[in-house]
Amino acid sequence: KDGKDGKGGKESKSGKEGKGGTNGNTGEGSGVYGEEYLCWKCDKSLYGHRFVNKDGHPYCVDCFHQSFANTCCKCTQLIEADTKDVNFGDRHWHGDCFKCAQCEENLVDKKFGSDRDDIFCTDCYDNKFSPTCERCDQPFKAGALKMNWSGKQWHEECFQCAGCANPIGQEQFHPREGKPYCSDCYDDNFALKCSKCAKAISAGGVNYAGEPYHRECFACSQCDRSLAGQRFTLDQSSLPVCAECFGRHVASECFHCKSPITGVGSGNKYVVFEERRWHCECFYCTACAESLIGANFIAEGGGGGGDHRTTITS
């Protein structure tokens, strides 16, 4: 079909020389020294007639149509030699028939989509076949970014926080009851709040006595050092203190070694006798050094002697 300038070879089908002219994809034949220039199929003289050059051979228009011309799948008419032939796959159209099946826009030299036997401009194809956005119900254009979540799709600008309605885009979000929330709205509305600072606990919290805390907020009431994962006790006001501050500021002094009784090394227990306190390991017989915990003993200078027992307290 893409005929070139018609020019006969040294030997035509009749064995005579010929020379053709051109007229677009066709040519007009003219005799040379009285010799004939013939159609490659029917031997009809092409002198003074239009012809089409196909595969290096000249054909009269009728033979070309019979042997090579395609039928338009839109109008079912023959696509003649001097008419634009548009093909897609194994189908052919006249240039004027190559139109969108819905809006009838001519699609020659334009992008288009196809479905079975129909072709569509990009807008009509998107409206008819592309998935639609969950929020705006508009189709996704070719190349548009889709936000996929929970089996649904959104345009990037339509995927919004259910709290503040700001676009989430590709940022982190938190689902709640089938709705997406940005981090700020989720923290404000649903996250646990620290019992000390009242701010949201997003990760790594500590729970003590049924109350949630940030790890850095659950701290010693004396030195503010975090107690997360550390041993601690309570002072007289039931505030948490670390072992060091407890020994330095709160703990009783051992009657024997004069060091603070912190509970470190002997669990949380100590010995009480007549309002005096001992480390468990410090409460032993002054004569033989045998532990007196749980044993009868006599206190020196006790005023009348007699057997005594201690009280072990935490």
C-alpha atoms as a PDB file:
ATOM      1  CA  LYS A   1       0.000   0.000   0.000  1.00  0.00           C
ATOM      2  CA  ASP A   2       2.892   2.359   0.733  1.00  0.00           C
ATOM      3  CA  GLY A   3       3.494   2.685  -2.983  1.00  0.00           C
ATOM      4  CA  LYS A   4       6.694   4.374  -4.069  1.00  0.00           C
ATOM      5  CA  ASP A   5       7.385   6.437  -7.140  1.00  0.00           C
ATOM      6  CA  GLY A   6       6.428   4.190 -10.022  1.00  0.00           C
ATOM      7  CA  LYS A   7       9.353   3.208 -12.203  1.00  0.00           C
ATOM      8  CA  GLY A   8       9.454   0.112 -14.299  1.00  0.00           C
ATOM      9  CA  GLY A   9      12.418  -2.258 -14.312  1.00  0.00           C
ATOM     10  CA  LYS A  10      14.530  -3.161 -17.304  1.00  0.00           C
ATOM     11  CA  GLU A  11      12.267  -6.092 -17.930  1.00  0.00           C
ATOM     12  CA  SER A  12       8.520  -5.788 -17.599  1.00  0.00           C
ATOM     13  CA  LYS A  13       6.224  -8.785 -17.571  1.00  0.00           C
ATOM     14  CA  SER A  14       5.970  -8.507 -21.350  1.00  0.00           C
ATOM     15  CA  GLY A  15       9.733  -8.357 -21.665  1.00  0.00           C
ATOM     16  CA  LYS A  16       9.659  -4.716 -22.793  1.00  0.00           C
ATOM     17  CA  GLU A  17      11.064  -1.647 -21.121  1.00  0.00           C
ATOM     18  CA  GLY A  18       8.717   0.761 -19.376  1.00  0.00           C
ATOM     19  CA  LYS A  19       8.754   3.946 -17.317  1.00  0.00           C
ATOM     20  CA  GLY A  20       6.095   5.115 -14.920  1.00  0.00           C
ATOM     21  CA  GLY A  21       5.231   8.480 -13.425  1.00  0.00           C
ATOM     22  CA  THR A  22       3.968   9.155  -9.894  1.00  0.00           C
ATOM     23  CA  ASN A  23       0.828  10.524  -8.294  1.00  0.00           C
ATOM     24  CA  GLY A  24       1.032  10.040  -4.517  1.00  0.00           C
ATOM     25  CA  ASN A  25       0.959   6.287  -3.996  1.00  0.00           C
ATOM     26  CA  THR A  26       0.059   5.690  -7.601  1.00  0.00           C
ATOM     27  CA  GLY A  27       1.627   6.495 -10.917  1.00  0.00           C
ATOM     28  CA  GLU A  28       0.607   7.328 -14.479  1.00  0.00           C
ATOM     29  CA  GLY A  29       2.248   5.189 -17.122  1.00  0.00           C
ATOM     30  CA  SER A  30       3.733   6.528 -20.352  1.00  0.00           C
ATOM     31  CA  GLY A  31       5.147   4.562 -23.237  1.00  0.00           C
ATOM     32  CA  VAL A  32       8.832   4.705 -24.084  1.00  0.00           C
ATOM     33  CA  TYR A  33       9.734   4.500 -27.768  1.00  0.00           C
ATOM     34  CA  GLY A  34       6.333   3.007 -28.407  1.00  0.00           C
ATOM     35  CA  GLU A  35       6.882   0.122 -26.036  1.00  0.00           C
ATOM     36  CA  GLU A  36       4.181  -0.772 -23.506  1.00  0.00           C
ATOM     37  CA  TYR A  37       4.258  -0.608 -19.682  1.00  0.00           C
ATOM     38  CA  LEU A  38       1.932  -3.371 -18.466  1.00  0.00           C
ATOM     39  CA  CYS A  39       0.070  -4.335 -15.248  1.00  0.00           C
ATOM     40  CA  TRP A  40       1.943  -7.146 -13.554  1.00  0.00           C
ATOM     41  CA  LYS A  41      -1.235  -9.170 -13.132  1.00  0.00           C
ATOM     42  CA  CYS A  42      -3.554  -8.568 -16.078  1.00  0.00           C
ATOM     43  CA  ASP A  43      -1.084  -7.301 -18.714  1.00  0.00           C
ATOM     44  CA  LYS A  44      -3.249  -4.247 -19.257  1.00  0.00           C
ATOM     45  CA  SER A  45      -1.282  -1.335 -20.607  1.00  0.00           C
ATOM     46  CA  LEU A  46      -0.664   1.306 -17.963  1.00  0.00           C
ATOM     47  CA  TYR A  47       0.052   3.994 -20.540  1.00  0.00           C
ATOM     48  CA  GLY A  48      -1.928   7.089 -19.530  1.00  0.00           C
ATOM     49  CA  HIS A  49      -3.486   5.265 -16.536  1.00  0.00           C
ATOM     50  CA  ARG A  50      -3.010   5.364 -12.782  1.00  0.00           C
ATOM     51  CA  PHE A  51      -1.191   2.429 -11.225  1.00  0.00           C
ATOM     52  CA  VAL A  52       0.193   1.268  -7.884  1.00  0.00           C
ATOM     53  CA  ASN A  53       3.709   0.001  -7.287  1.00  0.00           C
ATOM     54  CA  LYS A  54       3.570  -3.074  -5.016  1.00  0.00           C
ATOM     55  CA  ASP A  55       6.663  -5.118  -4.093  1.00  0.00           C
ATOM     56  CA  GLY A  56       8.534  -3.538  -6.995  1.00  0.00           C
ATOM     57  CA  HIS A  57       5.872  -4.349  -9.601  1.00  0.00           C
ATOM     58  CA  PRO A  58       3.264  -2.079 -11.186  1.00  0.00           C
ATOM     59  CA  TYR A  59      -0.440  -2.948 -10.900  1.00  0.00           C
ATOM     60  CA  CYS A  60      -3.435  -1.299 -12.399  1.00  0.00           C
ATOM     61  CA  VAL A  61      -5.814   0.118  -9.771  1.00  0.00           C
ATOM     62  CA  ASP A  62      -8.414  -2.613 -10.307  1.00  0.00           C
ATOM     63  CA  CYS A  63      -5.903  -5.446  -9.902  1.00  0.00           C
ATOM     64  CA  PHE A  64      -4.404  -3.785  -6.850  1.00  0.00           C
ATOM     65  CA  HIS A  65      -7.839  -3.531  -5.220  1.00  0.00           C
ATOM     66  CA  GLN A  66      -8.647  -7.154  -6.042  1.00  0.00           C
ATOM     67  CA  SER A  67      -5.343  -8.529  -4.809  1.00  0.00           C
ATOM     68  CA  PHE A  68      -4.136  -6.276  -2.036  1.00  0.00           C
ATOM     69  CA  ALA A  69      -6.657  -3.707  -0.801  1.00  0.00           C
ATOM     70  CA  ASN A  70      -8.161  -4.214   2.689  1.00  0.00           C
ATOM     71  CA  THR A  71     -11.759  -3.836   3.792  1.00  0.00           C
ATOM     72  CA  CYS A  72     -12.572  -1.233   6.452  1.00  0.00           C
ATOM     73  CA  CYS A  73     -13.916  -2.969   9.581  1.00  0.00           C
ATOM     74  CA  LYS A  74     -16.044   0.098  10.372  1.00  0.00           C
ATOM     75  CA  CYS A  75     -17.906   0.779   7.113  1.00  0.00           C
ATOM     76  CA  THR A  76     -17.070  -2.571   5.374  1.00  0.00           C
ATOM     77  CA  GLN A  77     -16.069  -0.656   2.235  1.00  0.00           C
ATOM     78  CA  LEU A  78     -12.860  -1.258   0.309  1.00  0.00           C
ATOM     79  CA  ILE A  79      -9.902   0.897   1.320  1.00  0.00           C
ATOM     80  CA  GLU A  80      -8.848   2.189  -2.073  1.00  0.00           C
ATOM     81  CA  ALA A  81      -5.300   2.854  -3.219  1.00  0.00           C
ATOM     82  CA  ASP A  82      -5.428   6.620  -2.725  1.00  0.00           C
ATOM     83  CA  THR A  83      -7.097   6.386   0.700  1.00  0.00           C
ATOM     84  CA  LYS A  84      -5.276   6.222   4.057  1.00  0.00           C
ATOM     85  CA  ASP A  85      -5.267   2.676   5.482  1.00  0.00           C
ATOM     86  CA  VAL A  86      -5.004   2.574   9.310  1.00  0.00           C
ATOM     87  CA  ASN A  87      -4.350  -0.826  10.835  1.00  0.00           C
ATOM     88  CA  PHE A  88      -4.350  -2.104  14.415  1.00  0.00           C
ATOM     89  CA  GLY A  89      -3.705  -5.767  15.011  1.00  0.00           C
ATOM     90  CA  ASP A  90      -5.174  -7.583  12.058  1.00  0.00           C
ATOM     91  CA  ARG A  91      -7.911  -5.003  11.453  1.00  0.00           C
ATOM     92  CA  HIS A  92      -8.008  -2.084   9.036  1.00  0.00           C
ATOM     93  CA  TRP A  93      -9.904   1.210   8.828  1.00  0.00           C
ATOM     94  CA  HIS A  94     -10.232   4.141   6.490  1.00  0.00           C
ATOM     95  CA  GLY A  95      -8.482   7.131   8.082  1.00  0.00           C
ATOM     96  CA  ASP A  96     -11.870   8.851   8.406  1.00  0.00           C
ATOM     97  CA  CYS A  97     -13.426   5.743   9.994  1.00  0.00           C
ATOM     98  CA  PHE A  98     -10.794   5.302  12.700  1.00  0.00           C
ATOM     99  CA  LYS A  99     -12.872   6.920  15.471  1.00  0.00           C
ATOM    100  CA  CYS A 100     -13.710   6.441  19.136  1.00  0.00           C
ATOM    101  CA  ALA A 101     -16.683   4.090  19.445  1.00  0.00           C
ATOM    102  CA  GLN A 102     -18.239   6.356  22.071  1.00  0.00           C
ATOM    103  CA  CYS A 103     -17.537  10.025  21.289  1.00  0.00           C
ATOM    104  CA  GLU A 104     -16.473   9.509  17.634  1.00  0.00           C
ATOM    105  CA  GLU A 105     -13.292  11.566  17.970  1.00  0.00           C
ATOM    106  CA  ASN A 106     -10.901  10.734  15.138  1.00  0.00           C
ATOM    107  CA  LEU A 107      -7.991   8.754  16.570  1.00  0.00           C
ATOM    108  CA  VAL A 108      -5.490   8.852  13.698  1.00  0.00           C
ATOM    109  CA  ASP A 109      -2.049   9.611  15.228  1.00  0.00           C
ATOM    110  CA  LYS A 110      -3.544   9.741  18.752  1.00  0.00           C
ATOM    111  CA  LYS A 111      -3.382   7.454  21.762  1.00  0.00           C
ATOM    112  CA  PHE A 112      -6.326   5.105  22.153  1.00  0.00           C
ATOM    113  CA  GLY A 113      -7.499   1.991  23.977  1.00  0.00           C
ATOM    114  CA  SER A 114      -9.321  -1.052  22.656  1.00  0.00           C
ATOM    115  CA  ASP A 115     -11.824  -3.546  23.966  1.00  0.00           C
ATOM    116  CA  ARG A 116     -12.697  -6.497  21.768  1.00  0.00           C
ATOM    117  CA  ASP A 117     -13.815  -4.980  18.434  1.00  0.00           C
ATOM    118  CA  ASP A 118     -14.088  -1.359  19.623  1.00  0.00           C
ATOM    119  CA  ILE A 119     -11.532   1.396  19.967  1.00  0.00           C
ATOM    120  CA  PHE A 120     -11.829   4.358  22.352  1.00  0.00           C
ATOM    121  CA  CYS A 121     -10.105   7.644  22.997  1.00  0.00           C
ATOM    122  CA  THR A 122      -8.206   7.677  26.299  1.00  0.00           C
ATOM    123  CA  ASP A 123     -10.916   9.654  28.139  1.00  0.00           C
ATOM    124  CA  CYS A 124     -13.748   7.371  27.045  1.00  0.00           C
ATOM    125  CA  TYR A 125     -11.685   4.268  27.704  1.00  0.00           C
ATOM    126  CA  ASP A 126     -10.884   5.430  31.245  1.00  0.00           C
ATOM    127  CA  ASN A 127     -14.520   6.327  31.936  1.00  0.00           C
ATOM    128  CA  LYS A 128     -15.768   3.007  30.621  1.00  0.00           C
ATOM    129  CA  PHE A 129     -13.176   0.504  31.817  1.00  0.00           C
ATOM    130  CA  SER A 130     -10.762   1.982  34.376  1.00  0.00           C
ATOM    131  CA  PRO A 131     -11.373   1.400  38.119  1.00  0.00           C
ATOM    132  CA  THR A 132     -12.761   4.385  39.999  1.00  0.00           C
ATOM    133  CA  CYS A 133     -11.617   6.183  43.133  1.00  0.00           C
ATOM    134  CA  GLU A 134     -13.389   5.177  46.353  1.00  0.00           C
ATOM    135  CA  ARG A 135     -13.857   8.809  47.363  1.00  0.00           C
ATOM    136  CA  CYS A 136     -14.536  10.863  44.193  1.00  0.00           C
ATOM    137  CA  ASP A 137     -15.824   7.999  42.006  1.00  0.00           C
ATOM    138  CA  GLN A 138     -13.721   9.274  39.082  1.00  0.00           C
ATOM    139  CA  PRO A 139     -11.639   6.878  36.967  1.00  0.00           C
ATOM    140  CA  PHE A 140      -7.880   6.568  37.261  1.00  0.00           C
ATOM    141  CA  LYS A 141      -6.146   8.080  34.248  1.00  0.00           C
ATOM    142  CA  ALA A 142      -3.306   6.170  32.638  1.00  0.00           C
ATOM    143  CA  GLY A 143      -0.191   6.489  34.793  1.00  0.00           C
ATOM    144  CA  ALA A 144      -2.068   7.914  37.791  1.00  0.00           C
ATOM    145  CA  LEU A 145      -0.833   6.831  41.224  1.00  0.00           C
ATOM    146  CA  LYS A 146      -3.303   4.563  43.035  1.00  0.00           C
ATOM    147  CA  MET A 147      -3.414   4.314  46.823  1.00  0.00           C
ATOM    148  CA  ASN A 148      -4.470   0.753  47.683  1.00  0.00           C
ATOM    149  CA  TRP A 149      -5.790  -0.154  51.121  1.00  0.00           C
ATOM    150  CA  SER A 150      -8.276  -2.726  52.386  1.00  0.00           C
ATOM    151  CA  GLY A 151      -9.181  -3.846  48.860  1.00  0.00           C
ATOM    152  CA  LYS A 152     -10.083  -0.307  47.730  1.00  0.00           C
ATOM    153  CA  GLN A 153      -8.348   2.334  45.637  1.00  0.00           C
ATOM    154  CA  TRP A 154      -8.002   6.121  45.942  1.00  0.00           C
ATOM    155  CA  HIS A 155      -6.354   8.927  44.030  1.00  0.00           C
ATOM    156  CA  GLU A 156      -3.359  10.130  46.016  1.00  0.00           C
ATOM    157  CA  GLU A 157      -5.094  13.416  46.867  1.00  0.00           C
ATOM    158  CA  CYS A 158      -8.343  11.601  47.762  1.00  0.00           C
ATOM    159  CA  PHE A 159      -6.807   9.283  50.352  1.00  0.00           C
ATOM    160  CA  GLN A 160      -7.522  11.507  53.352  1.00  0.00           C
ATOM    161  CA  CYS A 161      -7.451  11.276  57.133  1.00  0.00           C
ATOM    162  CA  ALA A 162     -10.889  10.534  58.593  1.00  0.00           C
ATOM    163  CA  GLY A 163     -10.150  13.019  61.376  1.00  0.00           C
ATOM    164  CA  CYS A 164      -8.673  16.165  59.815  1.00  0.00           C
ATOM    165  CA  ALA A 165      -9.405  15.417  56.114  1.00  0.00           C
ATOM    166  CA  ASN A 166      -5.819  16.223  55.132  1.00  0.00           C
ATOM    167  CA  PRO A 167      -4.370  14.026  52.354  1.00  0.00           C
ATOM    168  CA  ILE A 168      -2.349  11.155  53.771  1.00  0.00           C
ATOM    169  CA  GLY A 169      -0.687  10.338  50.474  1.00  0.00           C
ATOM    170  CA  GLN A 170       2.180   7.931  51.052  1.00  0.00           C
ATOM    171  CA  GLU A 171       2.719   8.908  54.700  1.00  0.00           C
ATOM    172  CA  GLN A 172       2.216   6.521  57.621  1.00  0.00           C
ATOM    173  CA  PHE A 173      -1.351   6.149  58.862  1.00  0.00           C
ATOM    174  CA  HIS A 174      -3.306   4.126  61.428  1.00  0.00           C
ATOM    175  CA  PRO A 175      -6.540   2.228  60.640  1.00  0.00           C
ATOM    176  CA  ARG A 176      -9.415   2.457  63.080  1.00  0.00           C
ATOM    177  CA  GLU A 177     -12.889   0.974  62.517  1.00  0.00           C
ATOM    178  CA  GLY A 178     -12.273   0.754  58.775  1.00  0.00           C
ATOM    179  CA  LYS A 179     -11.054   4.348  58.437  1.00  0.00           C
ATOM    180  CA  PRO A 180      -7.518   5.738  57.982  1.00  0.00           C
ATOM    181  CA  TYR A 181      -6.152   8.317  60.418  1.00  0.00           C
ATOM    182  CA  CYS A 182      -2.954  10.335  60.254  1.00  0.00           C
ATOM    183  CA  SER A 183      -0.580   9.864  63.176  1.00  0.00           C
ATOM    184  CA  ASP A 184      -1.565  13.127  64.892  1.00  0.00           C
ATOM    185  CA  CYS A 185      -5.320  12.455  64.752  1.00  0.00           C
ATOM    186  CA  TYR A 186      -4.887   8.862  65.839  1.00  0.00           C
ATOM    187  CA  ASP A 187      -2.806   9.898  68.837  1.00  0.00           C
ATOM    188  CA  ASP A 188      -5.266  12.636  69.799  1.00  0.00           C
ATOM    189  CA  ASN A 189      -8.336  10.423  69.572  1.00  0.00           C
ATOM    190  CA  PHE A 190      -7.330   6.837  70.285  1.00  0.00           C
ATOM    191  CA  ALA A 191      -3.804   6.412  71.681  1.00  0.00           C
ATOM    192  CA  LEU A 192      -3.112   5.741  75.377  1.00  0.00           C
ATOM    193  CA  LYS A 193      -2.175   8.887  77.294  1.00  0.00           C
ATOM    194  CA  CYS A 194       0.760   8.982  79.677  1.00  0.00           C
ATOM    195  CA  SER A 195      -0.373   9.348  83.314  1.00  0.00           C
ATOM    196  CA  LYS A 196       2.419  11.842  83.946  1.00  0.00           C
ATOM    197  CA  CYS A 197       2.578  14.138  80.885  1.00  0.00           C
ATOM    198  CA  ALA A 198      -0.878  13.351  79.406  1.00  0.00           C
ATOM    199  CA  LYS A 199       0.624  12.979  75.909  1.00  0.00           C
ATOM    200  CA  ALA A 200      -0.040  10.036  73.594  1.00  0.00           C
ATOM    201  CA  ILE A 201       2.078   6.910  73.956  1.00  0.00           C
ATOM    202  CA  SER A 202       2.881   5.785  70.425  1.00  0.00           C
ATOM    203  CA  ALA A 203       5.405   3.070  71.302  1.00  0.00           C
ATOM    204  CA  GLY A 204       7.514   1.676  74.127  1.00  0.00           C
ATOM    205  CA  GLY A 205       5.273   2.526  77.063  1.00  0.00           C
ATOM    206  CA  VAL A 206       5.461   1.269  80.654  1.00  0.00           C
ATOM    207  CA  ASN A 207       2.522   0.125  82.764  1.00  0.00           C
ATOM    208  CA  TYR A 208       2.660   0.395  86.538  1.00  0.00           C
ATOM    209  CA  ALA A 209      -0.250  -0.132  88.939  1.00  0.00           C
ATOM    210  CA  GLY A 210      -2.654  -0.071  85.998  1.00  0.00           C
ATOM    211  CA  GLU A 211      -1.404   3.315  84.744  1.00  0.00           C
ATOM    212  CA  PRO A 212       0.444   3.857  81.409  1.00  0.00           C
ATOM    213  CA  TYR A 213       3.612   5.942  81.163  1.00  0.00           C
ATOM    214  CA  HIS A 214       6.216   6.863  78.590  1.00  0.00           C
ATOM    215  CA  ARG A 215       9.455   5.069  79.425  1.00  0.00           C
ATOM    216  CA  GLU A 216      11.136   8.404  80.056  1.00  0.00           C
ATOM    217  CA  CYS A 217       8.218   9.634  82.172  1.00  0.00           C
ATOM    218  CA  PHE A 218       8.262   6.692  84.573  1.00  0.00           C
ATOM    219  CA  ALA A 219      11.196   8.074  86.527  1.00  0.00           C
ATOM    220  CA  CYS A 220      12.609   8.305  90.033  1.00  0.00           C
ATOM    221  CA  SER A 221      10.885  11.048  92.021  1.00  0.00           C
ATOM    222  CA  GLN A 222      14.257  12.100  93.437  1.00  0.00           C
ATOM    223  CA  CYS A 223      16.722  12.085  90.496  1.00  0.00           C
ATOM    224  CA  ASP A 224      14.392  11.791  87.433  1.00  0.00           C
ATOM    225  CA  ARG A 225      16.301   8.806  86.072  1.00  0.00           C
ATOM    226  CA  SER A 226      14.064   6.441  84.077  1.00  0.00           C
ATOM    227  CA  LEU A 227      12.971   3.388  86.038  1.00  0.00           C
ATOM    228  CA  ALA A 228      11.902   1.368  82.987  1.00  0.00           C
ATOM    229  CA  GLY A 229      13.476  -2.071  83.387  1.00  0.00           C
ATOM    230  CA  GLN A 230      15.147  -1.009  86.666  1.00  0.00           C
ATOM    231  CA  ARG A 231      14.565  -1.989  90.328  1.00  0.00           C
ATOM    232  CA  PHE A 232      12.731   0.633  92.335  1.00  0.00           C
ATOM    233  CA  THR A 233      10.642   1.071  95.470  1.00  0.00           C
ATOM    234  CA  LEU A 234       8.204   3.604  96.872  1.00  0.00           C
ATOM    235  CA  ASP A 235       8.844   6.382  99.323  1.00  0.00           C
ATOM    236  CA  GLN A 236       6.549   7.452 102.191  1.00  0.00           C
ATOM    237  CA  SER A 237       4.362   9.297  99.654  1.00  0.00           C
ATOM    238  CA  SER A 238       4.070   6.187  97.446  1.00  0.00           C
ATOM    239  CA  LEU A 239       6.199   7.807  94.759  1.00  0.00           C
ATOM    240  CA  PRO A 240       8.691   5.600  92.891  1.00  0.00           C
ATOM    241  CA  VAL A 241      12.359   6.012  93.739  1.00  0.00           C
ATOM    242  CA  CYS A 242      15.408   4.205  92.415  1.00  0.00           C
ATOM    243  CA  ALA A 243      17.434   1.998  94.767  1.00  0.00           C
ATOM    244  CA  GLU A 244      20.218   4.559  95.078  1.00  0.00           C
ATOM    245  CA  CYS A 245      17.905   7.439  96.004  1.00  0.00           C
ATOM    246  CA  PHE A 246      15.946   5.222  98.340  1.00  0.00           C
ATOM    247  CA  GLY A 247      19.100   4.306 100.218  1.00  0.00           C
ATOM    248  CA  ARG A 248      20.317   7.897 100.243  1.00  0.00           C
ATOM    249  CA  HIS A 249      17.110   9.726 101.162  1.00  0.00           C
ATOM    250  CA  VAL A 250      14.465   7.306 102.371  1.00  0.00           C
ATOM    251  CA  ALA A 251      15.828   4.006 103.683  1.00  0.00           C
ATOM    252  CA  SER A 252      16.363   3.226 107.371  1.00  0.00           C
ATOM    253  CA  GLU A 253      19.850   2.719 108.669  1.00  0.00           C
ATOM    254  CA  CYS A 254      20.978  -0.778 109.651  1.00  0.00           C
ATOM    255  CA  PHE A 255      21.639  -0.887 113.421  1.00  0.00           C
ATOM    256  CA  HIS A 256      24.679  -3.082 112.877  1.00  0.00           C
ATOM    257  CA  CYS A 257      26.532  -1.780 109.772  1.00  0.00           C
ATOM    258  CA  LYS A 258      25.004   1.724 109.674  1.00  0.00           C
ATOM    259  CA  SER A 259      24.368   1.374 105.907  1.00  0.00           C
ATOM    260  CA  PRO A 260      20.921   2.117 104.406  1.00  0.00           C
ATOM    261  CA  ILE A 261      18.523  -0.779 104.156  1.00  0.00           C
ATOM    262  CA  THR A 262      17.563  -0.674 100.467  1.00  0.00           C
ATOM    263  CA  GLY A 263      16.486  -4.257  99.897  1.00  0.00           C
ATOM    264  CA  VAL A 264      19.293  -4.805  97.367  1.00  0.00           C
ATOM    265  CA  GLY A 265      21.088  -8.107  98.028  1.00  0.00           C
ATOM    266  CA  SER A 266      18.451  -9.530 100.386  1.00  0.00           C
ATOM    267  CA  GLY A 267      15.291  -9.065  98.455  1.00  0.00           C
ATOM    268  CA  ASN A 268      12.921  -6.543 100.020  1.00  0.00           C
ATOM    269  CA  LYS A 269      13.109  -7.890 103.593  1.00  0.00           C
ATOM    270  CA  TYR A 270      14.800  -6.554 106.725  1.00  0.00           C
ATOM    271  CA  VAL A 271      14.677  -7.306 110.463  1.00  0.00           C
ATOM    272  CA  VAL A 272      12.839  -5.142 113.033  1.00  0.00           C
ATOM    273  CA  PHE A 273      13.418  -5.486 116.783  1.00  0.00           C
ATOM    274  CA  GLU A 274      12.454  -2.913 119.372  1.00  0.00           C
ATOM    275  CA  GLU A 275      12.101  -0.174 116.717  1.00  0.00           C
ATOM    276  CA  ARG A 276      15.576  -0.891 115.396  1.00  0.00           C
ATOM    277  CA  ARG A 277      16.300  -2.326 111.951  1.00  0.00           C
ATOM    278  CA  TRP A 278      18.975  -4.645 110.554  1.00  0.00           C
ATOM    279  CA  HIS A 279      19.839  -6.071 107.186  1.00  0.00           C
ATOM    280  CA  CYS A 280      18.890  -9.744 107.279  1.00  0.00           C
ATOM    281  CA  GLU A 281      22.548 -10.670 106.813  1.00  0.00           C
ATOM    282  CA  CYS A 282      23.559  -8.327 109.676  1.00  0.00           C
ATOM    283  CA  PHE A 283      21.236  -9.819 112.257  1.00  0.00           C
ATOM    284  CA  TYR A 284      23.396 -12.518 113.872  1.00  0.00           C
ATOM    285  CA  CYS A 285      24.725 -13.606 117.282  1.00  0.00           C
ATOM    286  CA  THR A 286      27.488 -11.288 118.484  1.00  0.00           C
ATOM    287  CA  ALA A 287      29.300 -14.271 120.011  1.00  0.00           C
ATOM    288  CA  CYS A 288      29.208 -16.985 117.328  1.00  0.00           C
ATOM    289  CA  ALA A 289      27.968 -14.997 114.287  1.00  0.00           C
ATOM    290  CA  GLU A 290      25.112 -17.473 113.697  1.00  0.00           C
ATOM    291  CA  SER A 291      22.086 -15.907 112.026  1.00  0.00           C
ATOM    292  CA  LEU A 292      19.298 -15.217 114.487  1.00  0.00           C
ATOM    293  CA  ILE A 293      16.547 -14.927 111.912  1.00  0.00           C
ATOM    294  CA  GLY A 294      13.715 -17.217 113.008  1.00  0.00           C
ATOM    295  CA  ALA A 295      15.643 -18.215 116.199  1.00  0.00           C
ATOM    296  CA  ASN A 296      15.130 -17.454 119.898  1.00  0.00           C
ATOM    297  CA  PHE A 297      17.719 -15.099 121.324  1.00  0.00           C
ATOM    298  CA  ILE A 298      18.470 -13.022 124.378  1.00  0.00           C
ATOM    299  CA  ALA A 299      19.087  -9.317 123.972  1.00  0.00           C
ATOM    300  CA  GLU A 300      22.072  -8.004 125.840  1.00  0.00           C
ATOM    301  CA  GLY A 301      21.024  -5.417 128.391  1.00  0.00           C
ATOM    302  CA  GLY A 302      17.428  -6.279 127.678  1.00  0.00           C
ATOM    303  CA  GLY A 303      16.239  -5.488 131.191  1.00  0.00           C
ATOM    304  CA  GLY A 304      15.284  -8.773 132.805  1.00  0.00           C
ATOM    305  CA  GLY A 305      16.478 -11.134 130.052  1.00  0.00           C
ATOM    306  CA  GLY A 306      14.181 -13.676 128.462  1.00  0.00           C
ATOM    307  CA  ASP A 307      13.620 -15.151 125.029  1.00  0.00           C
ATOM    308  CA  HIS A 308      12.833 -12.843 122.121  1.00  0.00           C
ATOM    309  CA  ARG A 309      11.871 -13.225 118.472  1.00  0.00           C
ATOM    310  CA  THR A 310      12.305 -10.753 115.652  1.00  0.00           C
ATOM    311  CA  THR A 311       9.875  -9.417 113.088  1.00  0.00           C
ATOM    312  CA  ILE A 312      10.965  -9.700 109.462  1.00  0.00           C
ATOM    313  CA  THR A 313       9.460  -6.882 107.365  1.00  0.00           C
ATOM    314  CA  SER A 314       9.488  -5.893 103.723  1.00  0.00           C
END
